[in-house]
Amino acid sequence: MIGLKNLLFPKKTSATLKNFVAINLGAYYVKGLIIKENKTIDYFIEPTEDLATLLKRIWQEKKITTNVVKVSIKSPSCLVRYFPFIKLERKKLKEALFYELSKHIPYQPQDVYFDFWILEEKSQNEIFLLLAVAKQEYINQIIDTFKKQNLEVSQITLDSLCLINLFLNHNDNNKQNVSLLDIGYSSSTLIIIRRGIPVLTRELTFNVKDIFQIISNLKNLQINQVESWLFSLQDQNVFLELIQENIITLCKEIRTSFDYFEVNKGESINKIFLTGGLSSIDALGKFLKDILGIDVEVLSLGSGVEVFSDEKFKTFKNTFSVTFGLCI
């Protein structure tokens, strides 16, 4: 298995794209990669604001000629589930899943888009699959916003699936049990991949927004000044001391998920791959390693990164993991 790149909302078939813009609709930043003839030629990262206004400005400033976009999202209106299911041919499988959806999600089946990926054949009669779900109203709003800017959405998928794609395609760790930890602005995402097969996706309460608020209060800074303060620190331990209690709480959440995996699979997690803006803080990875007793390293972005050498991209590159995963 090389990834979940065909998992999208709503489901539709399109030819392989060579020219498009990959856009990650983050809670704090909108991040994008401009792809021309299958090569990454430019990027953008802009504070999240009115999306229609932002899209119009970006297309003008970057002189983008393609009108095709791929979009990744993370929202309470979207979720991922993993479970065994009876083995059926694909068409019958989708029909059967529709009637079983209410057992796995808190929404009415008729109110969602859903897609699935067969991760493993457990036996002659049973498969293990990943189910991805998004509320139709939420997805339709996104599509409508892009449509009003004369942009064609070829794919909408979930941030967690993009991270899985990135890892499976650019990291040679498919014989290990690993965890991907994406520290986001509104929440963090923990994914466990068992020897190349994702088996758990969980949203954690730890988030950058709370961290920024703590620093703002303690250092008497405006929220929009915290990021600059953080990246200008000569001693990163100053940052860790301010948020130590929050990191310990994060480690407890991580350990709970790892214990669940270890009890059910009888195996342990070998390594954590860290991504998101705070993963640029080297001391954070070292702190997590000391508390959890597990090796921690930053998730590789794979190919395409080398075209950007400016300082802005170097500062924010670890926030682009989802966007690079969306391009695969």
C-alpha atoms as a PDB file:
ATOM      1  CA  MET A   1       0.000   0.000   0.000  1.00  0.00           C
ATOM      2  CA  ILE A   2       1.484   3.365  -0.995  1.00  0.00           C
ATOM      3  CA  GLY A   3      -1.147   5.659   0.444  1.00  0.00           C
ATOM      4  CA  LEU A   4      -4.732   6.844   0.491  1.00  0.00           C
ATOM      5  CA  LYS A   5      -4.489   9.366  -2.341  1.00  0.00           C
ATOM      6  CA  ASN A   6      -7.754   8.251  -3.955  1.00  0.00           C
ATOM      7  CA  LEU A   7      -9.791   8.884  -0.821  1.00  0.00           C
ATOM      8  CA  LEU A   8     -11.794  12.059  -1.322  1.00  0.00           C
ATOM      9  CA  PHE A   9     -15.100  13.930  -1.025  1.00  0.00           C
ATOM     10  CA  PRO A  10     -17.296  13.887  -2.958  1.00  0.00           C
ATOM     11  CA  LYS A  11     -16.152  10.840  -4.901  1.00  0.00           C
ATOM     12  CA  LYS A  12     -15.461  11.487  -8.563  1.00  0.00           C
ATOM     13  CA  THR A  13     -13.075  10.223 -11.200  1.00  0.00           C
ATOM     14  CA  SER A  14     -10.621  12.553 -12.914  1.00  0.00           C
ATOM     15  CA  ALA A  15      -7.519  12.194 -15.041  1.00  0.00           C
ATOM     16  CA  THR A  16      -4.106  12.440 -13.386  1.00  0.00           C
ATOM     17  CA  LEU A  17      -3.419  16.095 -12.760  1.00  0.00           C
ATOM     18  CA  LYS A  18      -0.157  17.746 -13.835  1.00  0.00           C
ATOM     19  CA  ASN A  19      -1.121  21.343 -13.041  1.00  0.00           C
ATOM     20  CA  PHE A  20      -2.968  22.257  -9.863  1.00  0.00           C
ATOM     21  CA  VAL A  21      -2.728  24.100  -6.563  1.00  0.00           C
ATOM     22  CA  ALA A  22      -2.715  22.067  -3.349  1.00  0.00           C
ATOM     23  CA  ILE A  23      -4.315  24.009  -0.507  1.00  0.00           C
ATOM     24  CA  ASN A  24      -4.413  23.143   3.178  1.00  0.00           C
ATOM     25  CA  LEU A  25      -7.190  25.094   4.911  1.00  0.00           C
ATOM     26  CA  GLY A  26      -5.632  25.426   8.348  1.00  0.00           C
ATOM     27  CA  ALA A  27      -7.170  27.099  11.381  1.00  0.00           C
ATOM     28  CA  TYR A  28      -4.322  29.657  11.599  1.00  0.00           C
ATOM     29  CA  TYR A  29      -2.717  29.585   8.151  1.00  0.00           C
ATOM     30  CA  VAL A  30      -3.837  28.710   4.650  1.00  0.00           C
ATOM     31  CA  LYS A  31      -0.887  26.918   3.037  1.00  0.00           C
ATOM     32  CA  GLY A  32      -0.502  26.137  -0.631  1.00  0.00           C
ATOM     33  CA  LEU A  33       1.835  24.528  -3.168  1.00  0.00           C
ATOM     34  CA  ILE A  34       1.666  25.434  -6.851  1.00  0.00           C
ATOM     35  CA  ILE A  35       2.265  22.422  -9.091  1.00  0.00           C
ATOM     36  CA  LYS A  36       3.166  22.776 -12.772  1.00  0.00           C
ATOM     37  CA  GLU A  37       3.910  19.740 -14.943  1.00  0.00           C
ATOM     38  CA  ASN A  38       4.055  17.639 -11.775  1.00  0.00           C
ATOM     39  CA  LYS A  39       6.754  19.873 -10.260  1.00  0.00           C
ATOM     40  CA  THR A  40       6.435  22.101  -7.208  1.00  0.00           C
ATOM     41  CA  ILE A  41       7.290  25.606  -8.425  1.00  0.00           C
ATOM     42  CA  ASP A  42       6.006  27.952  -5.722  1.00  0.00           C
ATOM     43  CA  TYR A  43       4.270  28.124  -2.364  1.00  0.00           C
ATOM     44  CA  PHE A  44       2.252  30.466  -0.188  1.00  0.00           C
ATOM     45  CA  ILE A  45       1.356  30.705   3.473  1.00  0.00           C
ATOM     46  CA  GLU A  46      -1.172  33.301   4.548  1.00  0.00           C
ATOM     47  CA  PRO A  47      -3.096  33.981   7.774  1.00  0.00           C
ATOM     48  CA  THR A  48      -6.556  32.453   7.612  1.00  0.00           C
ATOM     49  CA  GLU A  49      -9.110  35.115   6.710  1.00  0.00           C
ATOM     50  CA  ASP A  50     -12.131  35.369   4.433  1.00  0.00           C
ATOM     51  CA  LEU A  51     -11.367  32.499   2.052  1.00  0.00           C
ATOM     52  CA  ALA A  52     -12.905  34.045  -1.072  1.00  0.00           C
ATOM     53  CA  THR A  53     -10.901  37.258  -0.639  1.00  0.00           C
ATOM     54  CA  LEU A  54      -7.736  35.329   0.094  1.00  0.00           C
ATOM     55  CA  LEU A  55      -8.074  33.092  -2.980  1.00  0.00           C
ATOM     56  CA  LYS A  56      -8.609  36.051  -5.272  1.00  0.00           C
ATOM     57  CA  ARG A  57      -5.534  37.829  -3.903  1.00  0.00           C
ATOM     58  CA  ILE A  58      -3.282  34.753  -4.092  1.00  0.00           C
ATOM     59  CA  TRP A  59      -4.217  33.975  -7.697  1.00  0.00           C
ATOM     60  CA  GLN A  60      -3.473  37.564  -8.659  1.00  0.00           C
ATOM     61  CA  GLU A  61      -0.206  37.938  -6.729  1.00  0.00           C
ATOM     62  CA  LYS A  62       1.208  34.567  -7.770  1.00  0.00           C
ATOM     63  CA  LYS A  63      -0.118  34.872 -11.347  1.00  0.00           C
ATOM     64  CA  ILE A  64      -1.499  31.338 -11.135  1.00  0.00           C
ATOM     65  CA  THR A  65      -2.825  30.108 -14.482  1.00  0.00           C
ATOM     66  CA  THR A  66      -4.479  26.823 -13.475  1.00  0.00           C
ATOM     67  CA  ASN A  67      -7.983  26.870 -11.985  1.00  0.00           C
ATOM     68  CA  VAL A  68      -7.778  23.337 -10.556  1.00  0.00           C
ATOM     69  CA  VAL A  69      -7.266  22.826  -6.814  1.00  0.00           C
ATOM     70  CA  LYS A  70      -6.888  20.005  -4.340  1.00  0.00           C
ATOM     71  CA  VAL A  71      -7.983  20.824  -0.804  1.00  0.00           C
ATOM     72  CA  SER A  72      -7.215  19.278   2.580  1.00  0.00           C
ATOM     73  CA  ILE A  73      -9.270  19.960   5.693  1.00  0.00           C
ATOM     74  CA  LYS A  74      -9.531  19.202   9.397  1.00  0.00           C
ATOM     75  CA  SER A  75     -12.825  19.844  11.139  1.00  0.00           C
ATOM     76  CA  PRO A  76     -15.173  18.441  13.787  1.00  0.00           C
ATOM     77  CA  SER A  77     -17.444  17.782  10.775  1.00  0.00           C
ATOM     78  CA  CYS A  78     -14.965  15.157   9.544  1.00  0.00           C
ATOM     79  CA  LEU A  79     -13.776  11.917  11.085  1.00  0.00           C
ATOM     80  CA  VAL A  80     -11.882   8.684  10.437  1.00  0.00           C
ATOM     81  CA  ARG A  81     -12.765   5.218  11.676  1.00  0.00           C
ATOM     82  CA  TYR A  82     -11.008   1.841  11.445  1.00  0.00           C
ATOM     83  CA  PHE A  83     -12.807  -1.502  11.769  1.00  0.00           C
ATOM     84  CA  PRO A  84     -13.130  -5.033  10.329  1.00  0.00           C
ATOM     85  CA  PHE A  85     -15.897  -5.671   7.784  1.00  0.00           C
ATOM     86  CA  ILE A  86     -17.237  -8.496   5.682  1.00  0.00           C
ATOM     87  CA  LYS A  87     -15.380  -8.999   2.391  1.00  0.00           C
ATOM     88  CA  LEU A  88     -17.466  -7.922  -0.618  1.00  0.00           C
ATOM     89  CA  GLU A  89     -16.833  -6.595  -4.110  1.00  0.00           C
ATOM     90  CA  ARG A  90     -16.336  -2.806  -4.053  1.00  0.00           C
ATOM     91  CA  LYS A  91     -19.790  -1.736  -5.288  1.00  0.00           C
ATOM     92  CA  LYS A  92     -21.617  -3.997  -2.856  1.00  0.00           C
ATOM     93  CA  LEU A  93     -19.174  -3.004  -0.116  1.00  0.00           C
ATOM     94  CA  LYS A  94     -20.047   0.689  -0.464  1.00  0.00           C
ATOM     95  CA  GLU A  95     -23.763  -0.089  -0.392  1.00  0.00           C
ATOM     96  CA  ALA A  96     -23.348  -2.260   2.694  1.00  0.00           C
ATOM     97  CA  LEU A  97     -21.255   0.390   4.430  1.00  0.00           C
ATOM     98  CA  PHE A  98     -23.936   3.017   3.853  1.00  0.00           C
ATOM     99  CA  TYR A  99     -26.438   0.931   5.802  1.00  0.00           C
ATOM    100  CA  GLU A 100     -23.883   0.309   8.562  1.00  0.00           C
ATOM    101  CA  LEU A 101     -22.674   3.910   8.885  1.00  0.00           C
ATOM    102  CA  SER A 102     -24.874   4.757  11.858  1.00  0.00           C
ATOM    103  CA  LYS A 103     -22.988   2.132  13.901  1.00  0.00           C
ATOM    104  CA  HIS A 104     -19.718   3.970  13.402  1.00  0.00           C
ATOM    105  CA  ILE A 105     -20.492   7.699  13.135  1.00  0.00           C
ATOM    106  CA  PRO A 106     -22.630  10.233  15.084  1.00  0.00           C
ATOM    107  CA  TYR A 107     -24.281  11.579  11.890  1.00  0.00           C
ATOM    108  CA  GLN A 108     -27.152  10.431   9.720  1.00  0.00           C
ATOM    109  CA  PRO A 109     -25.816   8.503   6.675  1.00  0.00           C
ATOM    110  CA  GLN A 110     -27.797  10.680   4.248  1.00  0.00           C
ATOM    111  CA  ASP A 111     -26.087  13.803   5.629  1.00  0.00           C
ATOM    112  CA  VAL A 112     -22.496  12.796   4.864  1.00  0.00           C
ATOM    113  CA  TYR A 113     -20.057  12.055   2.107  1.00  0.00           C
ATOM    114  CA  PHE A 114     -17.998   8.972   2.849  1.00  0.00           C
ATOM    115  CA  ASP A 115     -15.237   6.963   1.289  1.00  0.00           C
ATOM    116  CA  PHE A 116     -13.205   3.974   2.360  1.00  0.00           C
ATOM    117  CA  TRP A 117      -9.930   2.197   1.809  1.00  0.00           C
ATOM    118  CA  ILE A 118      -9.281  -1.507   2.250  1.00  0.00           C
ATOM    119  CA  LEU A 119      -6.178  -1.627   4.399  1.00  0.00           C
ATOM    120  CA  GLU A 120      -5.768  -5.370   4.772  1.00  0.00           C
ATOM    121  CA  GLU A 121      -7.465  -8.686   4.035  1.00  0.00           C
ATOM    122  CA  LYS A 122      -7.739 -10.324   7.426  1.00  0.00           C
ATOM    123  CA  SER A 123      -9.121 -13.628   6.130  1.00  0.00           C
ATOM    124  CA  GLN A 124     -11.027 -15.096   3.225  1.00  0.00           C
ATOM    125  CA  ASN A 125     -14.204 -13.426   4.476  1.00  0.00           C
ATOM    126  CA  GLU A 126     -13.012 -10.367   6.394  1.00  0.00           C
ATOM    127  CA  ILE A 127     -11.208  -7.130   5.596  1.00  0.00           C
ATOM    128  CA  PHE A 128      -9.846  -4.299   7.716  1.00  0.00           C
ATOM    129  CA  LEU A 129     -10.772  -0.903   6.364  1.00  0.00           C
ATOM    130  CA  LEU A 130     -10.483   2.810   6.927  1.00  0.00           C
ATOM    131  CA  LEU A 131     -13.678   4.853   6.724  1.00  0.00           C
ATOM    132  CA  ALA A 132     -13.453   8.618   6.110  1.00  0.00           C
ATOM    133  CA  VAL A 133     -16.554  10.749   6.603  1.00  0.00           C
ATOM    134  CA  ALA A 134     -17.407  14.422   6.119  1.00  0.00           C
ATOM    135  CA  LYS A 135     -20.693  16.246   6.547  1.00  0.00           C
ATOM    136  CA  GLN A 136     -22.152  17.199   3.176  1.00  0.00           C
ATOM    137  CA  GLU A 137     -23.103  20.705   4.272  1.00  0.00           C
ATOM    138  CA  TYR A 138     -19.526  21.503   5.283  1.00  0.00           C
ATOM    139  CA  ILE A 139     -18.007  20.104   2.083  1.00  0.00           C
ATOM    140  CA  ASN A 140     -20.568  21.802  -0.140  1.00  0.00           C
ATOM    141  CA  GLN A 141     -19.778  25.168   1.452  1.00  0.00           C
ATOM    142  CA  ILE A 142     -16.101  24.745   0.630  1.00  0.00           C
ATOM    143  CA  ILE A 143     -16.808  23.722  -2.948  1.00  0.00           C
ATOM    144  CA  ASP A 144     -19.177  26.652  -3.373  1.00  0.00           C
ATOM    145  CA  THR A 145     -16.569  29.142  -2.124  1.00  0.00           C
ATOM    146  CA  PHE A 146     -14.019  27.929  -4.659  1.00  0.00           C
ATOM    147  CA  LYS A 147     -16.605  27.744  -7.422  1.00  0.00           C
ATOM    148  CA  LYS A 148     -17.475  31.424  -6.931  1.00  0.00           C
ATOM    149  CA  GLN A 149     -13.809  32.209  -7.636  1.00  0.00           C
ATOM    150  CA  ASN A 150     -14.010  30.105 -10.840  1.00  0.00           C
ATOM    151  CA  LEU A 151     -11.846  27.413  -9.274  1.00  0.00           C
ATOM    152  CA  GLU A 152     -12.518  23.709  -9.781  1.00  0.00           C
ATOM    153  CA  VAL A 153     -12.101  21.485  -6.732  1.00  0.00           C
ATOM    154  CA  SER A 154     -10.819  18.158  -8.017  1.00  0.00           C
ATOM    155  CA  GLN A 155     -10.364  16.679  -4.560  1.00  0.00           C
ATOM    156  CA  ILE A 156     -11.184  17.369  -0.936  1.00  0.00           C
ATOM    157  CA  THR A 157      -9.565  15.079   1.583  1.00  0.00           C
ATOM    158  CA  LEU A 158      -8.642  15.025   5.257  1.00  0.00           C
ATOM    159  CA  ASP A 159      -5.401  16.299   6.800  1.00  0.00           C
ATOM    160  CA  SER A 160      -4.779  12.994   8.565  1.00  0.00           C
ATOM    161  CA  LEU A 161      -4.961  11.076   5.284  1.00  0.00           C
ATOM    162  CA  CYS A 162      -2.453  13.471   3.713  1.00  0.00           C
ATOM    163  CA  LEU A 163      -0.042  12.833   6.586  1.00  0.00           C
ATOM    164  CA  ILE A 164      -0.402   9.079   6.118  1.00  0.00           C
ATOM    165  CA  ASN A 165       0.283   9.514   2.391  1.00  0.00           C
ATOM    166  CA  LEU A 166       3.384  11.570   3.070  1.00  0.00           C
ATOM    167  CA  PHE A 167       4.781   9.060   5.534  1.00  0.00           C
ATOM    168  CA  LEU A 168       4.079   5.945   3.472  1.00  0.00           C
ATOM    169  CA  ASN A 169       5.569   7.446   0.324  1.00  0.00           C
ATOM    170  CA  HIS A 170       8.678   9.119   1.739  1.00  0.00           C
ATOM    171  CA  ASN A 171       9.761   7.193   4.831  1.00  0.00           C
ATOM    172  CA  ASP A 172      11.362   3.761   4.912  1.00  0.00           C
ATOM    173  CA  ASN A 173       9.836   2.666   8.214  1.00  0.00           C
ATOM    174  CA  ASN A 174       7.063   0.362   7.019  1.00  0.00           C
ATOM    175  CA  LYS A 175       8.356  -2.553   9.090  1.00  0.00           C
ATOM    176  CA  GLN A 176       8.060  -0.594  12.333  1.00  0.00           C
ATOM    177  CA  ASN A 177       5.160   0.565  14.466  1.00  0.00           C
ATOM    178  CA  VAL A 178       5.229   4.351  14.365  1.00  0.00           C
ATOM    179  CA  SER A 179       3.137   7.322  15.395  1.00  0.00           C
ATOM    180  CA  LEU A 180       2.637  10.591  13.529  1.00  0.00           C
ATOM    181  CA  LEU A 181       1.988  13.566  15.800  1.00  0.00           C
ATOM    182  CA  ASP A 182       0.764  16.705  14.047  1.00  0.00           C
ATOM    183  CA  ILE A 183       0.573  19.652  16.440  1.00  0.00           C
ATOM    184  CA  GLY A 184      -2.098  21.936  15.012  1.00  0.00           C
ATOM    185  CA  TYR A 185      -3.470  25.334  15.935  1.00  0.00           C
ATOM    186  CA  SER A 186      -6.884  24.167  17.166  1.00  0.00           C
ATOM    187  CA  SER A 187      -6.069  20.523  17.971  1.00  0.00           C
ATOM    188  CA  SER A 188      -3.365  17.930  17.466  1.00  0.00           C
ATOM    189  CA  THR A 189      -3.705  14.694  15.517  1.00  0.00           C
ATOM    190  CA  LEU A 190      -2.171  11.397  16.586  1.00  0.00           C
ATOM    191  CA  ILE A 191      -1.943   8.579  14.045  1.00  0.00           C
ATOM    192  CA  ILE A 192      -0.608   5.084  14.684  1.00  0.00           C
ATOM    193  CA  ILE A 193       0.734   3.100  11.721  1.00  0.00           C
ATOM    194  CA  ARG A 194       1.397  -0.589  12.322  1.00  0.00           C
ATOM    195  CA  ARG A 195       4.022  -1.873   9.901  1.00  0.00           C
ATOM    196  CA  GLY A 196       2.762   0.289   7.041  1.00  0.00           C
ATOM    197  CA  ILE A 197      -0.958   0.038   7.857  1.00  0.00           C
ATOM    198  CA  PRO A 198      -2.735   2.875   9.713  1.00  0.00           C
ATOM    199  CA  VAL A 199      -4.809   1.546  12.593  1.00  0.00           C
ATOM    200  CA  LEU A 200      -5.758   4.578  14.711  1.00  0.00           C
ATOM    201  CA  THR A 201      -6.411   8.291  14.257  1.00  0.00           C
ATOM    202  CA  ARG A 202      -7.218  10.407  17.305  1.00  0.00           C
ATOM    203  CA  GLU A 203      -7.623  14.128  17.953  1.00  0.00           C
ATOM    204  CA  LEU A 204      -5.794  15.399  21.037  1.00  0.00           C
ATOM    205  CA  THR A 205      -6.642  18.490  23.088  1.00  0.00           C
ATOM    206  CA  PHE A 206      -3.084  19.898  22.983  1.00  0.00           C
ATOM    207  CA  ASN A 207      -2.962  22.802  20.525  1.00  0.00           C
ATOM    208  CA  VAL A 208      -0.914  25.813  19.474  1.00  0.00           C
ATOM    209  CA  LYS A 209      -3.721  28.260  20.233  1.00  0.00           C
ATOM    210  CA  ASP A 210      -3.612  27.477  23.954  1.00  0.00           C
ATOM    211  CA  ILE A 211       0.189  27.615  23.945  1.00  0.00           C
ATOM    212  CA  PHE A 212       0.163  31.045  22.303  1.00  0.00           C
ATOM    213  CA  GLN A 213      -2.353  32.280  24.868  1.00  0.00           C
ATOM    214  CA  ILE A 214      -0.190  31.082  27.776  1.00  0.00           C
ATOM    215  CA  ILE A 215       2.887  32.817  26.385  1.00  0.00           C
ATOM    216  CA  SER A 216       0.871  35.947  25.627  1.00  0.00           C
ATOM    217  CA  ASN A 217      -0.265  36.166  29.235  1.00  0.00           C
ATOM    218  CA  LEU A 218       3.078  35.333  30.842  1.00  0.00           C
ATOM    219  CA  LYS A 219       5.208  37.512  28.568  1.00  0.00           C
ATOM    220  CA  ASN A 220       2.704  40.360  28.130  1.00  0.00           C
ATOM    221  CA  LEU A 221       2.676  39.934  24.352  1.00  0.00           C
ATOM    222  CA  GLN A 222      -0.093  40.318  21.812  1.00  0.00           C
ATOM    223  CA  ILE A 223      -1.157  36.988  20.299  1.00  0.00           C
ATOM    224  CA  ASN A 224       0.179  38.040  16.902  1.00  0.00           C
ATOM    225  CA  GLN A 225       3.592  38.728  18.471  1.00  0.00           C
ATOM    226  CA  VAL A 226       4.026  35.311  20.089  1.00  0.00           C
ATOM    227  CA  GLU A 227       5.124  33.467  16.964  1.00  0.00           C
ATOM    228  CA  SER A 228       7.957  35.922  16.262  1.00  0.00           C
ATOM    229  CA  TRP A 229       9.037  35.783  19.914  1.00  0.00           C
ATOM    230  CA  LEU A 230       9.091  31.997  19.823  1.00  0.00           C
ATOM    231  CA  PHE A 231      11.201  31.656  16.673  1.00  0.00           C
ATOM    232  CA  SER A 232      13.657  34.310  17.866  1.00  0.00           C
ATOM    233  CA  LEU A 233      14.510  32.490  21.113  1.00  0.00           C
ATOM    234  CA  GLN A 234      18.177  31.719  21.629  1.00  0.00           C
ATOM    235  CA  ASP A 235      17.388  29.276  24.432  1.00  0.00           C
ATOM    236  CA  GLN A 236      14.412  27.052  23.587  1.00  0.00           C
ATOM    237  CA  ASN A 237      14.256  25.753  27.144  1.00  0.00           C
ATOM    238  CA  VAL A 238      12.703  29.093  28.096  1.00  0.00           C
ATOM    239  CA  PHE A 239       9.708  28.098  25.957  1.00  0.00           C
ATOM    240  CA  LEU A 240       9.541  24.586  27.434  1.00  0.00           C
ATOM    241  CA  GLU A 241       9.568  25.918  30.987  1.00  0.00           C
ATOM    242  CA  LEU A 242       6.524  28.087  30.227  1.00  0.00           C
ATOM    243  CA  ILE A 243       4.436  25.226  28.835  1.00  0.00           C
ATOM    244  CA  GLN A 244       5.861  22.258  30.726  1.00  0.00           C
ATOM    245  CA  GLU A 245       2.548  21.311  32.335  1.00  0.00           C
ATOM    246  CA  ASN A 246       0.801  21.324  28.944  1.00  0.00           C
ATOM    247  CA  ILE A 247       3.456  19.064  27.411  1.00  0.00           C
ATOM    248  CA  ILE A 248       3.157  16.625  30.300  1.00  0.00           C
ATOM    249  CA  THR A 249      -0.609  16.522  29.714  1.00  0.00           C
ATOM    250  CA  LEU A 250       0.077  15.902  26.008  1.00  0.00           C
ATOM    251  CA  CYS A 251       2.370  13.008  26.901  1.00  0.00           C
ATOM    252  CA  LYS A 252      -0.367  11.481  29.058  1.00  0.00           C
ATOM    253  CA  GLU A 253      -2.775  11.638  26.098  1.00  0.00           C
ATOM    254  CA  ILE A 254      -0.181  10.055  23.839  1.00  0.00           C
ATOM    255  CA  ARG A 255       0.596   7.348  26.364  1.00  0.00           C
ATOM    256  CA  THR A 256      -3.108   6.472  26.687  1.00  0.00           C
ATOM    257  CA  SER A 257      -3.306   5.817  22.929  1.00  0.00           C
ATOM    258  CA  PHE A 258      -0.037   3.874  22.934  1.00  0.00           C
ATOM    259  CA  ASP A 259      -1.192   1.726  25.866  1.00  0.00           C
ATOM    260  CA  TYR A 260      -4.429   0.965  24.002  1.00  0.00           C
ATOM    261  CA  PHE A 261      -2.428  -0.132  20.960  1.00  0.00           C
ATOM    262  CA  GLU A 262       0.013  -2.188  22.998  1.00  0.00           C
ATOM    263  CA  VAL A 263      -2.734  -3.993  24.918  1.00  0.00           C
ATOM    264  CA  ASN A 264      -4.710  -4.818  21.764  1.00  0.00           C
ATOM    265  CA  LYS A 265      -1.800  -5.673  19.467  1.00  0.00           C
ATOM    266  CA  GLY A 266       0.785  -6.931  21.948  1.00  0.00           C
ATOM    267  CA  GLU A 267       3.366  -4.647  20.305  1.00  0.00           C
ATOM    268  CA  SER A 268       4.978  -1.323  21.166  1.00  0.00           C
ATOM    269  CA  ILE A 269       5.501   1.928  19.278  1.00  0.00           C
ATOM    270  CA  ASN A 270       9.063   2.243  17.938  1.00  0.00           C
ATOM    271  CA  LYS A 271       9.191   5.902  16.911  1.00  0.00           C
ATOM    272  CA  ILE A 272       7.246   9.177  16.866  1.00  0.00           C
ATOM    273  CA  PHE A 273       7.356  11.438  13.822  1.00  0.00           C
ATOM    274  CA  LEU A 274       6.600  15.020  14.771  1.00  0.00           C
ATOM    275  CA  THR A 275       5.116  17.648  12.459  1.00  0.00           C
ATOM    276  CA  GLY A 276       3.342  20.998  12.652  1.00  0.00           C
ATOM    277  CA  GLY A 277       4.753  24.424  13.498  1.00  0.00           C
ATOM    278  CA  LEU A 278       6.060  23.547  16.963  1.00  0.00           C
ATOM    279  CA  SER A 279       8.074  20.628  15.565  1.00  0.00           C
ATOM    280  CA  SER A 280      10.631  23.248  14.514  1.00  0.00           C
ATOM    281  CA  ILE A 281      11.426  23.657  18.215  1.00  0.00           C
ATOM    282  CA  ASP A 282      14.171  21.009  18.572  1.00  0.00           C
ATOM    283  CA  ALA A 283      13.920  21.024  22.353  1.00  0.00           C
ATOM    284  CA  LEU A 284      10.272  19.895  22.148  1.00  0.00           C
ATOM    285  CA  GLY A 285      11.185  16.633  20.417  1.00  0.00           C
ATOM    286  CA  LYS A 286      13.919  15.970  22.970  1.00  0.00           C
ATOM    287  CA  PHE A 287      11.499  16.660  25.825  1.00  0.00           C
ATOM    288  CA  LEU A 288       8.902  14.244  24.393  1.00  0.00           C
ATOM    289  CA  LYS A 289      11.582  11.591  23.955  1.00  0.00           C
ATOM    290  CA  ASP A 290      12.725  11.952  27.572  1.00  0.00           C
ATOM    291  CA  ILE A 291       9.209  11.663  28.991  1.00  0.00           C
ATOM    292  CA  LEU A 292       7.860   8.926  26.699  1.00  0.00           C
ATOM    293  CA  GLY A 293      11.072   6.963  26.296  1.00  0.00           C
ATOM    294  CA  ILE A 294      10.564   6.715  22.518  1.00  0.00           C
ATOM    295  CA  ASP A 295      12.708   8.094  19.693  1.00  0.00           C
ATOM    296  CA  VAL A 296      11.288  11.294  18.175  1.00  0.00           C
ATOM    297  CA  GLU A 297      12.191  12.877  14.851  1.00  0.00           C
ATOM    298  CA  VAL A 298      10.660  15.437  12.509  1.00  0.00           C
ATOM    299  CA  LEU A 299       8.572  13.993   9.668  1.00  0.00           C
ATOM    300  CA  SER A 300      10.344  14.294   6.312  1.00  0.00           C
ATOM    301  CA  LEU A 301       8.556  16.302   3.626  1.00  0.00           C
ATOM    302  CA  GLY A 302      10.069  14.232   0.824  1.00  0.00           C
ATOM    303  CA  SER A 303      10.939  15.614  -2.593  1.00  0.00           C
ATOM    304  CA  GLY A 304       9.994  19.107  -3.772  1.00  0.00           C
ATOM    305  CA  VAL A 305      11.198  20.910  -0.669  1.00  0.00           C
ATOM    306  CA  GLU A 306      14.610  21.713  -2.141  1.00  0.00           C
ATOM    307  CA  VAL A 307      13.137  24.258  -4.586  1.00  0.00           C
ATOM    308  CA  PHE A 308      12.462  26.664  -1.721  1.00  0.00           C
ATOM    309  CA  SER A 309      15.492  28.231  -0.078  1.00  0.00           C
ATOM    310  CA  ASP A 310      14.066  31.457   1.361  1.00  0.00           C
ATOM    311  CA  GLU A 311      14.074  32.042   5.097  1.00  0.00           C
ATOM    312  CA  LYS A 312      10.279  32.252   5.351  1.00  0.00           C
ATOM    313  CA  PHE A 313       9.841  28.723   4.021  1.00  0.00           C
ATOM    314  CA  LYS A 314      12.638  27.405   6.241  1.00  0.00           C
ATOM    315  CA  THR A 315      10.819  28.863   9.247  1.00  0.00           C
ATOM    316  CA  PHE A 316       7.434  27.387   8.345  1.00  0.00           C
ATOM    317  CA  LYS A 317       8.339  24.260   6.366  1.00  0.00           C
ATOM    318  CA  ASN A 318       7.179  21.813   9.054  1.00  0.00           C
ATOM    319  CA  THR A 319       3.666  23.232   8.760  1.00  0.00           C
ATOM    320  CA  PHE A 320       3.591  22.048   5.123  1.00  0.00           C
ATOM    321  CA  SER A 321       3.472  18.294   5.832  1.00  0.00           C
ATOM    322  CA  VAL A 322      -0.231  18.049   5.044  1.00  0.00           C
ATOM    323  CA  THR A 323       0.156  20.105   1.867  1.00  0.00           C
ATOM    324  CA  PHE A 324       2.986  17.953   0.520  1.00  0.00           C
ATOM    325  CA  GLY A 325       0.966  14.828   1.374  1.00  0.00           C
ATOM    326  CA  LEU A 326      -1.940  16.265  -0.594  1.00  0.00           C
ATOM    327  CA  CYS A 327       0.252  16.468  -3.732  1.00  0.00           C
ATOM    328  CA  ILE A 328       1.004  12.733  -3.782  1.00  0.00           C
END
